[in-house]
C-alpha atoms as a PDB file:
ATOM      1  CA  UNK A   1      19.252  15.053  10.416  1.00  0.00           C
ATOM      2  CA  UNK A   2      20.361  11.569  10.191  1.00  0.00           C
ATOM      3  CA  UNK A   3      22.459   9.799   7.449  1.00  0.00           C
ATOM      4  CA  UNK A   4      20.339   7.298   7.437  1.00  0.00           C
ATOM      5  CA  UNK A   5      17.128   9.923   7.416  1.00  0.00           C
ATOM      6  CA  UNK A   6      18.991  11.372   4.435  1.00  0.00           C
ATOM      7  CA  UNK A   7      19.274   8.864   3.114  1.00  0.00           C
ATOM      8  CA  UNK A   8      15.790   7.782   2.682  1.00  0.00           C
ATOM      9  CA  UNK A   9      14.628  11.563   1.789  1.00  0.00           C
ATOM     10  CA  UNK A  10      16.783  11.367  -0.777  1.00  0.00           C
ATOM     11  CA  UNK A  11      16.157   7.776  -2.109  1.00  0.00           C
ATOM     12  CA  UNK A  12      12.055   8.718  -1.855  1.00  0.00           C
ATOM     13  CA  UNK A  13      12.882  11.251  -4.803  1.00  0.00           C
ATOM     14  CA  UNK A  14      14.810   9.049  -6.471  1.00  0.00           C
ATOM     15  CA  UNK A  15      11.962   6.836  -6.714  1.00  0.00           C
ATOM     16  CA  UNK A  16      10.049   9.761  -8.455  1.00  0.00           C
ATOM     17  CA  UNK A  17      12.754   8.959 -11.631  1.00  0.00           C
ATOM     18  CA  UNK A  18      11.910   5.522 -12.673  1.00  0.00           C
ATOM     19  CA  UNK A  19      11.989   5.322 -16.024  1.00  0.00           C
ATOM     20  CA  UNK A  20       9.806   2.104 -15.684  1.00  0.00           C
ATOM     21  CA  UNK A  21       7.077   1.136 -13.313  1.00  0.00           C
ATOM     22  CA  UNK A  22       7.602  -1.913 -10.814  1.00  0.00           C
ATOM     23  CA  UNK A  23       5.013  -4.087 -10.240  1.00  0.00           C
ATOM     24  CA  UNK A  24       2.434  -4.338  -8.638  1.00  0.00           C
ATOM     25  CA  UNK A  25       5.044  -6.078  -5.895  1.00  0.00           C
ATOM     26  CA  UNK A  26       7.133  -4.549  -5.612  1.00  0.00           C
ATOM     27  CA  UNK A  27       4.834  -1.057  -5.581  1.00  0.00           C
ATOM     28  CA  UNK A  28       3.241  -2.181  -2.365  1.00  0.00           C
ATOM     29  CA  UNK A  29       6.736  -2.604  -0.521  1.00  0.00           C
ATOM     30  CA  UNK A  30       7.391   0.288  -1.155  1.00  0.00           C
ATOM     31  CA  UNK A  31       5.152   2.142  -0.255  1.00  0.00           C
ATOM     32  CA  UNK A  32       4.639  -0.281   3.044  1.00  0.00           C
ATOM     33  CA  UNK A  33       8.593   0.226   4.442  1.00  0.00           C
ATOM     34  CA  UNK A  34       8.239   4.616   3.320  1.00  0.00           C
ATOM     35  CA  UNK A  35       5.092   4.487   5.496  1.00  0.00           C
ATOM     36  CA  UNK A  36       7.206   2.132   8.498  1.00  0.00           C
ATOM     37  CA  UNK A  37      10.317   4.317   8.034  1.00  0.00           C
ATOM     38  CA  UNK A  38       8.162   8.035   8.075  1.00  0.00           C
ATOM     39  CA  UNK A  39       5.165   6.880  10.184  1.00  0.00           C
ATOM     40  CA  UNK A  40       5.927   4.050  12.333  1.00  0.00           C
ATOM     41  CA  UNK A  41       3.592   0.412  12.181  1.00  0.00           C
ATOM     42  CA  UNK A  42       0.062   0.880  10.584  1.00  0.00           C
ATOM     43  CA  UNK A  43      -2.297   3.125  12.040  1.00  0.00           C
ATOM     44  CA  UNK A  44      -6.177   4.128  11.786  1.00  0.00           C
ATOM     45  CA  UNK A  45      -8.531   2.301  10.858  1.00  0.00           C
ATOM     46  CA  UNK A  46      -8.305  -0.475   7.792  1.00  0.00           C
ATOM     47  CA  UNK A  47      -9.923   1.324   4.690  1.00  0.00           C
ATOM     48  CA  UNK A  48     -13.367  -0.189   3.381  1.00  0.00           C
ATOM     49  CA  UNK A  49     -14.188  -3.991   1.497  1.00  0.00           C
ATOM     50  CA  UNK A  50     -14.474  -1.305  -1.975  1.00  0.00           C
ATOM     51  CA  UNK A  51     -10.985   0.107  -1.539  1.00  0.00           C
ATOM     52  CA  UNK A  52      -9.059  -2.491  -3.464  1.00  0.00           C
ATOM     53  CA  UNK A  53      -6.006  -0.696  -3.639  1.00  0.00           C
ATOM     54  CA  UNK A  54      -6.683   1.276  -0.246  1.00  0.00           C
ATOM     55  CA  UNK A  55      -6.548  -2.151   1.215  1.00  0.00           C
ATOM     56  CA  UNK A  56      -3.765  -3.687  -0.291  1.00  0.00           C
ATOM     57  CA  UNK A  57      -1.343  -0.850   0.947  1.00  0.00           C
ATOM     58  CA  UNK A  58      -3.171  -0.875   4.397  1.00  0.00           C
ATOM     59  CA  UNK A  59      -2.115  -4.729   4.674  1.00  0.00           C
ATOM     60  CA  UNK A  60       0.871  -4.704   2.971  1.00  0.00           C
ATOM     61  CA  UNK A  61       1.891  -1.852   5.264  1.00  0.00           C
ATOM     62  CA  UNK A  62       0.284  -4.764   8.510  1.00  0.00           C
ATOM     63  CA  UNK A  63       2.950  -7.305   7.085  1.00  0.00           C
ATOM     64  CA  UNK A  64       5.907  -5.206   8.644  1.00  0.00           C
ATOM     65  CA  UNK A  65       4.189  -5.791  12.374  1.00  0.00           C
ATOM     66  CA  UNK A  66       6.663  -3.879  14.699  1.00  0.00           C
ATOM     67  CA  UNK A  67       9.656  -3.292  12.158  1.00  0.00           C
ATOM     68  CA  UNK A  68      11.575  -0.702  13.750  1.00  0.00           C
ATOM     69  CA  UNK A  69      11.204   3.075  12.014  1.00  0.00           C
ATOM     70  CA  UNK A  70      15.271   2.698  10.847  1.00  0.00           C
ATOM     71  CA  UNK A  71      15.138  -0.573   9.874  1.00  0.00           C
ATOM     72  CA  UNK A  72      12.284   0.208   7.297  1.00  0.00           C
ATOM     73  CA  UNK A  73      14.411   3.552   6.391  1.00  0.00           C
ATOM     74  CA  UNK A  74      16.615   0.983   5.374  1.00  0.00           C
ATOM     75  CA  UNK A  75      15.319  -1.592   3.264  1.00  0.00           C
ATOM     76  CA  UNK A  76      13.627   1.548   1.801  1.00  0.00           C
ATOM     77  CA  UNK A  77      16.969   2.536   0.756  1.00  0.00           C
ATOM     78  CA  UNK A  78      18.486  -0.665  -0.669  1.00  0.00           C
ATOM     79  CA  UNK A  79      14.982  -1.707  -2.509  1.00  0.00           C
ATOM     80  CA  UNK A  80      15.011   1.958  -4.066  1.00  0.00           C
ATOM     81  CA  UNK A  81      19.231   1.607  -5.167  1.00  0.00           C
ATOM     82  CA  UNK A  82      18.430  -2.122  -6.194  1.00  0.00           C
ATOM     83  CA  UNK A  83      15.543  -0.568  -9.065  1.00  0.00           C
ATOM     84  CA  UNK A  84      17.135   3.293  -9.156  1.00  0.00           C
ATOM     85  CA  UNK A  85      20.524   0.786 -10.072  1.00  0.00           C
END
């Protein structure tokens, strides 16, 4: 496991320990960066019209386009560090 992968996995654990829940925009950014960092660009069909949360998550992930998994992991780790102080 690379150093970046280890940092990424640690950040995924650290974010669960936040005392305050981040705002929705931050949560969507965390979700999108995590998915991009772990799975790569968005895949699968877009959720149904009435699945508002699923659609918001899908769209946030899709906005990252073809960002590399490595870049997404770096940005995720940086954002988690910023939030956990």
